[in-house]
Amino acid sequence: KQRELVATITPGGSSTYADAVKGRF
């Protein structure tokens, strides 16, 4: 499979998650 983004976070604390891991990671 291709490399996929799981989660990100900025120094200020803003975060994002892939749908597949939301609520678990």
PDB file of all heavy atoms in Angstrom:
ATOM      1  N   LYS A   1       0.825  -1.198   0.000  1.00  0.00           N
ATOM      2  CA  LYS A   1       0.000   0.000   0.000  1.00  0.00           C
ATOM      3  C   LYS A   1       0.864   1.254   0.000  1.00  0.00           C
ATOM      4  O   LYS A   1       2.045   1.211   0.342  1.00  0.00           O
ATOM      5  CB  LYS A   1      -0.934   0.024   1.215  1.00  0.00           C
ATOM      6  CG  LYS A   1      -1.952  -1.105   1.250  1.00  0.00           C
ATOM      7  CD  LYS A   1      -2.895  -0.945   2.425  1.00  0.00           C
ATOM      8  CE  LYS A   1      -3.951  -2.033   2.447  1.00  0.00           C
ATOM      9  NZ  LYS A   1      -4.873  -1.872   3.603  1.00  0.00           N
ATOM     10  N   GLN A   2       0.264   2.365  -0.392  1.00  0.00           N
ATOM     11  CA  GLN A   2       0.951   3.642  -0.371  1.00  0.00           C
ATOM     12  C   GLN A   2       1.045   4.176   1.056  1.00  0.00           C
ATOM     13  O   GLN A   2       0.232   3.843   1.920  1.00  0.00           O
ATOM     14  CB  GLN A   2       0.225   4.654  -1.260  1.00  0.00           C
ATOM     15  CG  GLN A   2       0.234   4.320  -2.738  1.00  0.00           C
ATOM     16  CD  GLN A   2      -0.440   5.395  -3.567  1.00  0.00           C
ATOM     17  OE1 GLN A   2      -1.414   6.004  -3.137  1.00  0.00           O
ATOM     18  NE2 GLN A   2       0.092   5.626  -4.758  1.00  0.00           N
ATOM     19  N   ARG A   3       2.045   5.001   1.287  1.00  0.00           N
ATOM     20  CA  ARG A   3       2.179   5.645   2.577  1.00  0.00           C
ATOM     21  C   ARG A   3       1.018   6.616   2.776  1.00  0.00           C
ATOM     22  O   ARG A   3       0.679   7.392   1.879  1.00  0.00           O
ATOM     23  CB  ARG A   3       3.516   6.379   2.665  1.00  0.00           C
ATOM     24  CG  ARG A   3       3.828   6.931   4.041  1.00  0.00           C
ATOM     25  CD  ARG A   3       5.247   7.479   4.106  1.00  0.00           C
ATOM     26  NE  ARG A   3       6.238   6.439   3.873  1.00  0.00           N
ATOM     27  CZ  ARG A   3       7.543   6.625   3.980  1.00  0.00           C
ATOM     28  NH1 ARG A   3       8.028   7.813   4.325  1.00  0.00           N
ATOM     29  NH2 ARG A   3       8.375   5.625   3.741  1.00  0.00           N
ATOM     30  N   GLU A   4       0.405   6.575   3.947  1.00  0.00           N
ATOM     31  CA  GLU A   4      -0.751   7.410   4.222  1.00  0.00           C
ATOM     32  C   GLU A   4      -0.549   8.220   5.493  1.00  0.00           C
ATOM     33  O   GLU A   4       0.110   7.783   6.435  1.00  0.00           O
ATOM     34  CB  GLU A   4      -2.023   6.559   4.346  1.00  0.00           C
ATOM     35  CG  GLU A   4      -2.012   5.583   5.506  1.00  0.00           C
ATOM     36  CD  GLU A   4      -3.302   4.782   5.625  1.00  0.00           C
ATOM     37  OE1 GLU A   4      -4.267   5.078   4.888  1.00  0.00           O
ATOM     38  OE2 GLU A   4      -3.342   3.851   6.453  1.00  0.00           O
ATOM     39  N   LEU A   5      -1.146   9.389   5.507  1.00  0.00           N
ATOM     40  CA  LEU A   5      -1.081  10.264   6.666  1.00  0.00           C
ATOM     41  C   LEU A   5      -1.992   9.748   7.761  1.00  0.00           C
ATOM     42  O   LEU A   5      -3.157   9.425   7.510  1.00  0.00           O
ATOM     43  CB  LEU A   5      -1.467  11.687   6.270  1.00  0.00           C
ATOM     44  CG  LEU A   5      -1.426  12.745   7.369  1.00  0.00           C
ATOM     45  CD1 LEU A   5       0.001  12.944   7.868  1.00  0.00           C
ATOM     46  CD2 LEU A   5      -1.994  14.063   6.855  1.00  0.00           C
ATOM     47  N   VAL A   6      -1.482   9.686   8.982  1.00  0.00           N
ATOM     48  CA  VAL A   6      -2.246   9.215  10.126  1.00  0.00           C
ATOM     49  C   VAL A   6      -2.742  10.375  10.979  1.00  0.00           C
ATOM     50  O   VAL A   6      -3.926  10.448  11.323  1.00  0.00           O
ATOM     51  CB  VAL A   6      -1.411   8.249  10.987  1.00  0.00           C
ATOM     52  CG1 VAL A   6      -2.177   7.836  12.239  1.00  0.00           C
ATOM     53  CG2 VAL A   6      -1.013   7.024  10.177  1.00  0.00           C
ATOM     54  N   ALA A   7      -1.844  11.282  11.345  1.00  0.00           N
ATOM     55  CA  ALA A   7      -2.200  12.396  12.208  1.00  0.00           C
ATOM     56  C   ALA A   7      -1.142  13.473  12.111  1.00  0.00           C
ATOM     57  O   ALA A   7       0.017  13.197  11.796  1.00  0.00           O
ATOM     58  CB  ALA A   7      -2.352  11.946  13.667  1.00  0.00           C
ATOM     59  N   THR A   8      -1.533  14.714  12.386  1.00  0.00           N
ATOM     60  CA  THR A   8      -0.604  15.836  12.422  1.00  0.00           C
ATOM     61  C   THR A   8      -0.902  16.695  13.633  1.00  0.00           C
ATOM     62  O   THR A   8      -2.006  16.681  14.170  1.00  0.00           O
ATOM     63  CB  THR A   8      -0.689  16.718  11.160  1.00  0.00           C
ATOM     64  OG1 THR A   8      -1.959  17.383  11.119  1.00  0.00           O
ATOM     65  CG2 THR A   8      -0.499  15.896   9.897  1.00  0.00           C
ATOM     66  N   ILE A   9       0.101  17.477  14.034  1.00  0.00           N
ATOM     67  CA  ILE A   9      -0.086  18.425  15.121  1.00  0.00           C
ATOM     68  C   ILE A   9       0.876  19.588  14.929  1.00  0.00           C
ATOM     69  O   ILE A   9       2.015  19.408  14.506  1.00  0.00           O
ATOM     70  CB  ILE A   9       0.110  17.757  16.507  1.00  0.00           C
ATOM     71  CG1 ILE A   9      -0.325  18.694  17.628  1.00  0.00           C
ATOM     72  CG2 ILE A   9       1.558  17.304  16.688  1.00  0.00           C
ATOM     73  CD1 ILE A   9      -0.469  17.992  18.970  1.00  0.00           C
ATOM     74  N   THR A  10       0.407  20.792  15.222  1.00  0.00           N
ATOM     75  CA  THR A  10       1.225  21.988  15.135  1.00  0.00           C
ATOM     76  C   THR A  10       1.772  22.332  16.505  1.00  0.00           C
ATOM     77  O   THR A  10       1.283  21.844  17.525  1.00  0.00           O
ATOM     78  CB  THR A  10       0.415  23.170  14.599  1.00  0.00           C
ATOM     79  OG1 THR A  10      -0.572  23.542  15.569  1.00  0.00           O
ATOM     80  CG2 THR A  10      -0.271  22.823  13.288  1.00  0.00           C
ATOM     81  N   PRO A  11       2.800  23.189  16.570  1.00  0.00           N
ATOM     82  CA  PRO A  11       3.300  23.618  17.886  1.00  0.00           C
ATOM     83  C   PRO A  11       2.213  24.248  18.748  1.00  0.00           C
ATOM     84  O   PRO A  11       2.290  24.163  19.979  1.00  0.00           O
ATOM     85  CB  PRO A  11       4.391  24.629  17.521  1.00  0.00           C
ATOM     86  CG  PRO A  11       4.888  24.174  16.187  1.00  0.00           C
ATOM     87  CD  PRO A  11       3.650  23.684  15.471  1.00  0.00           C
ATOM     88  N   GLY A  12       1.221  24.867  18.132  1.00  0.00           N
ATOM     89  CA  GLY A  12       0.127  25.452  18.883  1.00  0.00           C
ATOM     90  C   GLY A  12      -0.903  24.457  19.369  1.00  0.00           C
ATOM     91  O   GLY A  12      -1.804  24.836  20.133  1.00  0.00           O
ATOM     92  N   GLY A  13      -0.812  23.206  18.920  1.00  0.00           N
ATOM     93  CA  GLY A  13      -1.695  22.170  19.409  1.00  0.00           C
ATOM     94  C   GLY A  13      -2.834  21.785  18.485  1.00  0.00           C
ATOM     95  O   GLY A  13      -3.645  20.924  18.846  1.00  0.00           O
ATOM     96  N   SER A  14      -2.920  22.385  17.308  1.00  0.00           N
ATOM     97  CA  SER A  14      -3.957  21.999  16.358  1.00  0.00           C
ATOM     98  C   SER A  14      -3.628  20.642  15.760  1.00  0.00           C
ATOM     99  O   SER A  14      -2.514  20.433  15.278  1.00  0.00           O
ATOM    100  CB  SER A  14      -4.091  23.042  15.251  1.00  0.00           C
ATOM    101  OG  SER A  14      -4.466  24.301  15.777  1.00  0.00           O
ATOM    102  N   SER A  15      -4.581  19.727  15.764  1.00  0.00           N
ATOM    103  CA  SER A  15      -4.332  18.366  15.305  1.00  0.00           C
ATOM    104  C   SER A  15      -5.342  17.933  14.260  1.00  0.00           C
ATOM    105  O   SER A  15      -6.465  18.455  14.197  1.00  0.00           O
ATOM    106  CB  SER A  15      -4.348  17.387  16.478  1.00  0.00           C
ATOM    107  OG  SER A  15      -5.605  17.401  17.135  1.00  0.00           O
ATOM    108  N   THR A  16      -4.928  16.978  13.447  1.00  0.00           N
ATOM    109  CA  THR A  16      -5.801  16.352  12.462  1.00  0.00           C
ATOM    110  C   THR A  16      -5.586  14.852  12.514  1.00  0.00           C
ATOM    111  O   THR A  16      -4.525  14.379  12.922  1.00  0.00           O
ATOM    112  CB  THR A  16      -5.526  16.849  11.032  1.00  0.00           C
ATOM    113  OG1 THR A  16      -4.225  16.407  10.602  1.00  0.00           O
ATOM    114  CG2 THR A  16      -5.583  18.368  10.962  1.00  0.00           C
ATOM    115  N   TYR A  17      -6.611  14.096  12.075  1.00  0.00           N
ATOM    116  CA  TYR A  17      -6.539  12.644  12.082  1.00  0.00           C
ATOM    117  C   TYR A  17      -7.156  12.083  10.815  1.00  0.00           C
ATOM    118  O   TYR A  17      -8.129  12.624  10.286  1.00  0.00           O
ATOM    119  CB  TYR A  17      -7.288  12.051  13.277  1.00  0.00           C
ATOM    120  CG  TYR A  17      -6.707  12.408  14.614  1.00  0.00           C
ATOM    121  CD1 TYR A  17      -7.159  13.522  15.309  1.00  0.00           C
ATOM    122  CD2 TYR A  17      -5.710  11.631  15.188  1.00  0.00           C
ATOM    123  CE1 TYR A  17      -6.626  13.857  16.542  1.00  0.00           C
ATOM    124  CE2 TYR A  17      -5.172  11.957  16.414  1.00  0.00           C
ATOM    125  CZ  TYR A  17      -5.636  13.075  17.092  1.00  0.00           C
ATOM    126  OH  TYR A  17      -5.108  13.397  18.317  1.00  0.00           O
ATOM    127  N   ALA A  18      -6.592  10.982  10.351  1.00  0.00           N
ATOM    128  CA  ALA A  18      -7.236  10.229   9.296  1.00  0.00           C
ATOM    129  C   ALA A  18      -8.523   9.609   9.836  1.00  0.00           C
ATOM    130  O   ALA A  18      -8.613   9.250  11.012  1.00  0.00           O
ATOM    131  CB  ALA A  18      -6.309   9.134   8.773  1.00  0.00           C
ATOM    132  N   ASP A  19      -9.522   9.478   8.976  1.00  0.00           N
ATOM    133  CA  ASP A  19     -10.798   8.927   9.414  1.00  0.00           C
ATOM    134  C   ASP A  19     -10.641   7.535  10.039  1.00  0.00           C
ATOM    135  O   ASP A  19     -11.365   7.194  10.978  1.00  0.00           O
ATOM    136  CB  ASP A  19     -11.774   8.850   8.239  1.00  0.00           C
ATOM    137  CG  ASP A  19     -12.276  10.208   7.798  1.00  0.00           C
ATOM    138  OD1 ASP A  19     -12.154  11.177   8.568  1.00  0.00           O
ATOM    139  OD2 ASP A  19     -12.804  10.302   6.674  1.00  0.00           O
ATOM    140  N   ALA A  20      -9.709   6.757   9.531  1.00  0.00           N
ATOM    141  CA  ALA A  20      -9.544   5.390   9.998  1.00  0.00           C
ATOM    142  C   ALA A  20      -9.082   5.290  11.442  1.00  0.00           C
ATOM    143  O   ALA A  20      -9.250   4.235  12.069  1.00  0.00           O
ATOM    144  CB  ALA A  20      -8.565   4.639   9.088  1.00  0.00           C
ATOM    145  N   VAL A  21      -8.511   6.363  11.990  1.00  0.00           N
ATOM    146  CA  VAL A  21      -7.966   6.303  13.343  1.00  0.00           C
ATOM    147  C   VAL A  21      -8.660   7.241  14.315  1.00  0.00           C
ATOM    148  O   VAL A  21      -8.340   7.224  15.513  1.00  0.00           O
ATOM    149  CB  VAL A  21      -6.449   6.585  13.348  1.00  0.00           C
ATOM    150  CG1 VAL A  21      -5.730   5.680  12.359  1.00  0.00           C
ATOM    151  CG2 VAL A  21      -6.171   8.053  13.038  1.00  0.00           C
ATOM    152  N   LYS A  22      -9.594   8.035  13.853  1.00  0.00           N
ATOM    153  CA  LYS A  22     -10.295   8.962  14.739  1.00  0.00           C
ATOM    154  C   LYS A  22     -10.990   8.217  15.872  1.00  0.00           C
ATOM    155  O   LYS A  22     -11.646   7.204  15.660  1.00  0.00           O
ATOM    156  CB  LYS A  22     -11.317   9.785  13.953  1.00  0.00           C
ATOM    157  CG  LYS A  22     -10.714  10.870  13.093  1.00  0.00           C
ATOM    158  CD  LYS A  22     -11.795  11.664  12.382  1.00  0.00           C
ATOM    159  CE  LYS A  22     -11.187  12.772  11.537  1.00  0.00           C
ATOM    160  NZ  LYS A  22     -12.220  13.529  10.796  1.00  0.00           N
ATOM    161  N   GLY A  23     -10.830   8.731  17.076  1.00  0.00           N
ATOM    162  CA  GLY A  23     -11.426   8.116  18.245  1.00  0.00           C
ATOM    163  C   GLY A  23     -10.586   7.035  18.871  1.00  0.00           C
ATOM    164  O   GLY A  23     -10.882   6.595  19.989  1.00  0.00           O
ATOM    165  N   ARG A  24      -9.539   6.577  18.181  1.00  0.00           N
ATOM    166  CA  ARG A  24      -8.670   5.520  18.696  1.00  0.00           C
ATOM    167  C   ARG A  24      -7.240   6.000  18.942  1.00  0.00           C
ATOM    168  O   ARG A  24      -6.593   5.548  19.878  1.00  0.00           O
ATOM    169  CB  ARG A  24      -8.638   4.331  17.740  1.00  0.00           C
ATOM    170  CG  ARG A  24     -10.002   3.700  17.494  1.00  0.00           C
ATOM    171  CD  ARG A  24      -9.877   2.417  16.676  1.00  0.00           C
ATOM    172  NE  ARG A  24      -9.318   2.665  15.349  1.00  0.00           N
ATOM    173  CZ  ARG A  24      -8.169   2.157  14.916  1.00  0.00           C
ATOM    174  NH1 ARG A  24      -7.447   1.359  15.702  1.00  0.00           N
ATOM    175  NH2 ARG A  24      -7.741   2.428  13.687  1.00  0.00           N
ATOM    176  N   PHE A  25      -6.754   6.878  18.078  1.00  0.00           N
ATOM    177  CA  PHE A  25      -5.386   7.384  18.181  1.00  0.00           C
ATOM    178  C   PHE A  25      -5.410   8.817  18.693  1.00  0.00           C
ATOM    179  O   PHE A  25      -6.332   9.583  18.390  1.00  0.00           O
ATOM    180  CB  PHE A  25      -4.686   7.374  16.820  1.00  0.00           C
ATOM    181  CG  PHE A  25      -4.371   6.004  16.274  1.00  0.00           C
ATOM    182  CD1 PHE A  25      -4.889   4.855  16.840  1.00  0.00           C
ATOM    183  CD2 PHE A  25      -3.545   5.886  15.169  1.00  0.00           C
ATOM    184  CE1 PHE A  25      -4.597   3.602  16.327  1.00  0.00           C
ATOM    185  CE2 PHE A  25      -3.240   4.641  14.645  1.00  0.00           C
ATOM    186  CZ  PHE A  25      -3.765   3.500  15.217  1.00  0.00           C
TER     187      PHE A  25
END
